[in-house]
Amino acid sequence: MTPGLTARLERISTDGKMVNIPMDHGITIGATKGLKDIESTINAVTRGGADSVLTQKGLANRVHPNKNGRGYVIHLNASTTMGPDANDKRITGTVKEAVRAGADAVSIHLNIGSNHEPRQLEQLASVTEVAHEYGMPVLAMTYARGPDVDEHDAENLAHAVRIAEEMDADIAKTAYSGNAETYKLVPDTVDIPVIMAGGDPQTDRQMLQNVRGAMDAGAAGVSMGRSVFQHDDPEAMARGVSTIVHNDKSVPEAMDIAELAE
């Protein structure tokens, strides 16, 4: 691992643990709650303890003044819910553009098991090759997602993160299986950090229970978007998540510290 890669990984983590708030959803679903005034949201979640935020490259000038010294990840592919197939992620940026925009890492989304898997594997291969020339970490968002694929089956998730490692990504993000017992298979499959995707928003307690379960299973952290940036109090929700990831608190303790009701 090069010094540059090590330094940048440290900028998006705390003692090897990661709380990332992805906010690249403006392409996918539009400027929904929490994204229109993204400056305020970024300020809030980083105050709440997020180690990094994630957007598409065009928002870099709105990110840097508001991230309170935290890390920044630029996402390099996308699709929209208005298009013919939301699983068909296409390249939207390059590593070179991410470097110019002041990113500490880049990310790319893959839907393993979808009809678009072959192209997305090629995208990841290209990104990792170029990123590592620059000493830039790669977060591979490897989801088990396609026809007749169980998106929360632990074996499918383990296969997805193994693909990330096999293709030289530095961090793998994937969905949660639903409980710590089955999810343990996922981080145990690889020697790179695995972070849990937030998925569809649920109650605050349930989301924090998922975080606690993932950490108990050996995850290195979480990457939670809508359940944080769409929250009525993004700072509080980020603090609840961070308290579990970074301070190893229980769900009731995290809810109390963050002053979350339910």
Protein backbone atom coordinates (compact mmCIF):
# COMPACT_ATOMS: atom_id res chain seq x y z
CA MET A 1 0.00 0.00 0.00
CA THR A 2 1.45 3.35 -1.04
CA PRO A 3 1.77 6.28 1.40
CA GLY A 4 -0.80 8.24 -0.61
CA LEU A 5 -3.33 5.43 -0.46
CA THR A 6 -2.78 5.01 3.26
CA ALA A 7 -3.11 8.75 3.90
CA ARG A 8 -6.35 9.01 1.95
CA LEU A 9 -7.87 5.97 3.66
CA GLU A 10 -7.16 7.69 6.97
CA ARG A 11 -9.03 10.78 5.79
CA ILE A 12 -12.24 8.78 5.29
CA SER A 13 -12.06 6.76 8.50
CA THR A 14 -11.34 6.96 12.21
CA ASP A 15 -9.06 4.24 13.56
CA GLY A 16 -10.09 2.03 10.67
CA LYS A 17 -13.84 2.47 11.22
CA MET A 18 -15.99 4.32 8.72
CA VAL A 19 -19.26 6.25 8.70
CA ASN A 20 -19.94 7.42 5.16
CA ILE A 21 -23.01 9.38 4.09
CA PRO A 22 -23.66 8.95 0.35
CA MET A 23 -25.59 11.82 -1.22
CA ASP A 24 -25.25 11.02 -4.91
CA HIS A 25 -29.00 10.38 -5.12
CA GLY A 26 -29.68 13.68 -6.92
CA ILE A 27 -28.98 11.92 -10.23
CA THR A 28 -30.97 8.84 -9.30
CA ILE A 29 -34.12 10.30 -7.74
CA GLY A 30 -33.68 14.07 -7.98
CA ALA A 31 -33.15 16.79 -5.37
CA THR A 32 -35.20 15.09 -2.68
CA LYS A 33 -35.40 16.09 0.99
CA GLY A 34 -31.94 16.78 2.36
CA LEU A 35 -30.33 17.26 -1.05
CA LYS A 36 -31.73 20.60 -2.23
CA ASP A 37 -29.84 22.48 0.47
CA ILE A 38 -27.06 19.91 0.48
CA GLU A 39 -24.66 22.37 2.11
CA SER A 40 -26.68 22.33 5.34
CA THR A 41 -26.99 18.56 5.26
CA ILE A 42 -23.27 18.02 4.76
CA ASN A 43 -22.54 20.42 7.62
CA ALA A 44 -25.01 18.56 9.85
CA VAL A 45 -23.88 14.98 9.20
CA THR A 46 -20.20 15.79 9.57
CA ARG A 47 -20.91 17.62 12.83
CA GLY A 48 -22.74 14.47 13.87
CA GLY A 49 -19.67 12.30 13.39
CA ALA A 50 -19.66 11.12 9.77
CA ASP A 51 -16.13 10.44 8.56
CA SER A 52 -16.94 11.24 4.95
CA VAL A 53 -19.62 12.28 2.52
CA LEU A 54 -20.09 11.10 -1.05
CA THR A 55 -21.45 12.92 -4.09
CA GLN A 56 -21.07 13.11 -7.82
CA LYS A 57 -18.21 15.30 -9.11
CA GLY A 58 -20.35 18.32 -9.99
CA LEU A 59 -21.13 19.07 -6.35
CA ALA A 60 -17.53 19.30 -5.16
CA ASN A 61 -17.68 23.09 -4.79
CA ARG A 62 -20.73 22.70 -2.54
CA VAL A 63 -19.09 19.98 -0.44
CA HIS A 64 -15.68 21.33 0.52
CA PRO A 65 -16.75 24.48 2.45
CA ASN A 66 -19.25 22.49 4.52
CA LYS A 67 -17.65 19.16 5.44
CA ASN A 68 -15.89 20.33 8.60
CA GLY A 69 -12.56 18.79 7.63
CA ARG A 70 -14.02 15.36 6.99
CA GLY A 71 -13.31 13.11 4.02
CA TYR A 72 -14.83 13.31 0.55
CA VAL A 73 -15.66 10.48 -1.86
CA ILE A 74 -16.66 11.08 -5.48
CA HIS A 75 -18.94 8.54 -7.13
CA LEU A 76 -18.14 7.57 -10.71
CA ASN A 77 -21.27 5.96 -12.16
CA ALA A 78 -25.04 6.43 -12.05
CA SER A 79 -28.49 5.75 -13.46
CA THR A 80 -31.93 7.31 -12.92
CA THR A 81 -35.31 6.04 -11.84
CA MET A 82 -36.73 7.72 -14.94
CA GLY A 83 -34.57 5.66 -17.28
CA PRO A 84 -35.32 2.22 -18.74
CA ASP A 85 -33.31 0.29 -16.13
CA ALA A 86 -32.08 1.70 -12.82
CA ASN A 87 -29.59 -1.18 -12.53
CA ASP A 88 -27.76 0.00 -15.66
CA LYS A 89 -25.10 2.18 -14.04
CA ARG A 90 -23.00 4.13 -16.55
CA ILE A 91 -19.76 6.03 -16.04
CA THR A 92 -20.27 9.68 -14.98
CA GLY A 93 -16.74 10.68 -13.98
CA THR A 94 -13.09 9.71 -13.99
CA VAL A 95 -10.41 9.29 -11.37
CA LYS A 96 -8.54 12.25 -12.83
CA GLU A 97 -11.62 14.45 -12.41
CA ALA A 98 -11.97 13.23 -8.83
CA VAL A 99 -8.35 14.17 -8.11
CA ARG A 100 -8.92 17.64 -9.54
CA ALA A 101 -12.08 17.98 -7.44
CA GLY A 102 -10.22 17.22 -4.21
CA ALA A 103 -11.57 13.74 -3.51
CA ASP A 104 -10.02 11.46 -0.90
CA ALA A 105 -11.49 8.34 -2.55
CA VAL A 106 -13.66 7.27 -5.47
CA SER A 107 -16.57 4.86 -5.55
CA ILE A 108 -18.37 2.82 -8.16
CA HIS A 109 -21.61 0.81 -8.02
CA LEU A 110 -22.00 -2.76 -9.32
CA ASN A 111 -25.17 -4.84 -9.51
CA ILE A 112 -23.89 -8.40 -9.30
CA GLY A 113 -26.32 -10.78 -10.96
CA SER A 114 -27.92 -8.14 -13.15
CA ASN A 115 -27.85 -8.10 -16.93
CA HIS A 116 -25.37 -5.24 -16.65
CA GLU A 117 -22.86 -7.07 -14.49
CA PRO A 118 -20.27 -7.66 -17.29
CA ARG A 119 -20.00 -3.97 -18.16
CA GLN A 120 -19.87 -2.96 -14.51
CA LEU A 121 -17.07 -5.44 -13.81
CA GLU A 122 -15.12 -3.80 -16.61
CA GLN A 123 -15.87 -0.39 -15.09
CA LEU A 124 -14.48 -1.49 -11.71
CA ALA A 125 -11.38 -2.97 -13.30
CA SER A 126 -10.66 0.28 -15.14
CA VAL A 127 -11.30 2.45 -12.09
CA THR A 128 -9.06 0.42 -9.75
CA GLU A 129 -6.21 0.44 -12.25
CA VAL A 130 -6.22 4.21 -12.71
CA ALA A 131 -7.07 5.05 -9.09
CA HIS A 132 -4.13 3.14 -7.70
CA GLU A 133 -1.78 4.94 -10.07
CA TYR A 134 -2.83 8.10 -8.20
CA GLY A 135 -2.79 6.49 -4.75
CA MET A 136 -6.58 6.89 -4.63
CA PRO A 137 -8.70 4.39 -2.64
CA VAL A 138 -11.62 2.67 -4.37
CA LEU A 139 -14.92 1.93 -2.64
CA ALA A 140 -16.75 -0.78 -4.58
CA MET A 141 -20.50 -0.78 -3.92
CA THR A 142 -21.12 -4.42 -4.78
CA TYR A 143 -24.78 -5.32 -4.48
CA ALA A 144 -26.36 -8.72 -5.14
CA ARG A 145 -29.07 -7.40 -7.41
CA GLY A 146 -30.68 -8.87 -10.49
CA PRO A 147 -33.36 -11.25 -11.76
CA ASP A 148 -34.04 -14.02 -9.23
CA VAL A 149 -31.22 -12.79 -6.96
CA ASP A 150 -31.94 -12.51 -3.22
CA GLU A 151 -30.46 -9.12 -2.33
CA HIS A 152 -30.13 -9.98 1.36
CA ASP A 153 -28.86 -13.55 1.19
CA ALA A 154 -25.55 -13.70 3.06
CA GLU A 155 -23.90 -16.02 0.56
CA ASN A 156 -24.83 -13.69 -2.30
CA LEU A 157 -23.51 -10.71 -0.34
CA ALA A 158 -20.29 -12.57 0.46
CA HIS A 159 -19.83 -13.34 -3.23
CA ALA A 160 -20.39 -9.68 -4.07
CA VAL A 161 -17.75 -8.37 -1.67
CA ARG A 162 -15.31 -11.06 -2.74
CA ILE A 163 -15.62 -9.73 -6.28
CA ALA A 164 -14.63 -6.30 -4.95
CA GLU A 165 -11.50 -7.70 -3.32
CA GLU A 166 -10.60 -9.89 -6.30
CA MET A 167 -10.71 -6.80 -8.51
CA ASP A 168 -8.43 -4.82 -6.17
CA ALA A 169 -10.95 -2.48 -4.54
CA ASP A 170 -9.91 -1.17 -1.15
CA ILE A 171 -13.33 -1.14 0.56
CA ALA A 172 -16.49 -3.11 -0.22
CA LYS A 173 -20.00 -1.91 0.50
CA THR A 174 -22.99 -4.20 0.37
CA ALA A 175 -26.45 -4.69 1.83
CA TYR A 176 -27.34 -6.16 5.22
CA SER A 177 -28.58 -9.73 5.55
CA GLY A 178 -30.92 -8.92 8.41
CA ASN A 179 -28.98 -10.26 11.40
CA ALA A 180 -25.45 -10.46 12.76
CA GLU A 181 -25.31 -14.25 12.68
CA THR A 182 -25.71 -14.55 8.93
CA TYR A 183 -23.91 -11.30 8.10
CA LYS A 184 -20.70 -12.55 9.73
CA LEU A 185 -20.07 -14.57 6.58
CA VAL A 186 -19.71 -11.35 4.56
CA PRO A 187 -16.70 -9.65 6.21
CA ASP A 188 -15.19 -13.07 6.94
CA THR A 189 -14.99 -13.70 3.19
CA VAL A 190 -12.48 -10.92 2.47
CA ASP A 191 -9.40 -9.17 3.81
CA ILE A 192 -10.60 -5.68 2.93
CA PRO A 193 -12.99 -3.58 5.05
CA VAL A 194 -16.69 -4.24 4.49
CA ILE A 195 -19.19 -1.47 5.20
CA MET A 196 -22.94 -1.97 5.39
CA ALA A 197 -25.33 -0.20 3.04
CA GLY A 198 -28.26 1.49 4.74
CA GLY A 199 -30.90 0.46 2.23
CA ASP A 200 -34.50 1.62 2.44
CA PRO A 201 -35.13 3.85 5.48
CA GLN A 202 -36.84 2.21 8.46
CA THR A 203 -37.42 3.47 11.99
CA ASP A 204 -34.45 5.05 13.73
CA ARG A 205 -34.27 2.14 16.15
CA GLN A 206 -34.33 -0.45 13.38
CA MET A 207 -31.64 1.35 11.39
CA LEU A 208 -29.42 1.52 14.46
CA GLN A 209 -30.11 -2.14 15.20
CA ASN A 210 -28.88 -2.92 11.70
CA VAL A 211 -25.73 -0.90 12.33
CA ARG A 212 -25.14 -2.69 15.63
CA GLY A 213 -25.67 -6.07 13.97
CA ALA A 214 -23.26 -5.30 11.14
CA MET A 215 -20.57 -4.13 13.56
CA ASP A 216 -21.06 -7.21 15.76
CA ALA A 217 -20.59 -9.32 12.63
CA GLY A 218 -17.22 -7.73 11.88
CA ALA A 219 -18.08 -4.88 9.53
CA ALA A 220 -15.75 -1.87 9.44
CA GLY A 221 -18.62 0.61 9.39
CA VAL A 222 -21.57 1.76 7.36
CA SER A 223 -22.53 3.83 4.34
CA MET A 224 -26.04 5.15 4.97
CA GLY A 225 -27.72 7.68 2.73
CA ARG A 226 -31.46 8.29 2.78
CA SER A 227 -32.01 7.22 6.39
CA VAL A 228 -29.60 9.98 7.40
CA PHE A 229 -29.86 12.83 4.88
CA GLN A 230 -33.68 12.57 4.63
CA HIS A 231 -34.03 12.44 8.42
CA ASP A 232 -35.76 15.35 10.16
CA ASP A 233 -32.52 15.77 12.13
CA PRO A 234 -29.59 14.49 10.01
CA GLU A 235 -27.05 15.52 12.63
CA ALA A 236 -28.77 13.46 15.32
CA MET A 237 -29.09 10.39 13.11
CA ALA A 238 -25.44 10.65 12.05
CA ARG A 239 -24.48 10.93 15.72
CA GLY A 240 -26.48 7.83 16.59
CA VAL A 241 -24.80 5.81 13.86
CA SER A 242 -21.34 7.17 14.68
CA THR A 243 -21.78 6.41 18.37
CA ILE A 244 -22.24 2.73 17.55
CA VAL A 245 -19.50 2.53 14.91
CA HIS A 246 -16.85 4.58 16.70
CA ASN A 247 -17.74 4.21 20.38
CA ASP A 248 -19.16 0.67 20.37
CA LYS A 249 -22.35 1.75 22.11
CA SER A 250 -25.55 -0.24 22.30
CA VAL A 251 -28.64 0.82 20.40
CA PRO A 252 -30.39 2.28 23.51
CA GLU A 253 -27.21 4.15 24.45
CA ALA A 254 -26.82 5.54 20.92
CA MET A 255 -30.45 6.66 20.83
CA ASP A 256 -30.04 8.37 24.18
CA ILE A 257 -26.80 10.12 23.23
CA ALA A 258 -28.26 11.28 19.88
CA GLU A 259 -31.62 12.14 21.49
CA LEU A 260 -33.54 10.02 19.01
CA ALA A 261 -37.09 9.07 19.98
CA GLU A 262 -37.80 6.05 17.78
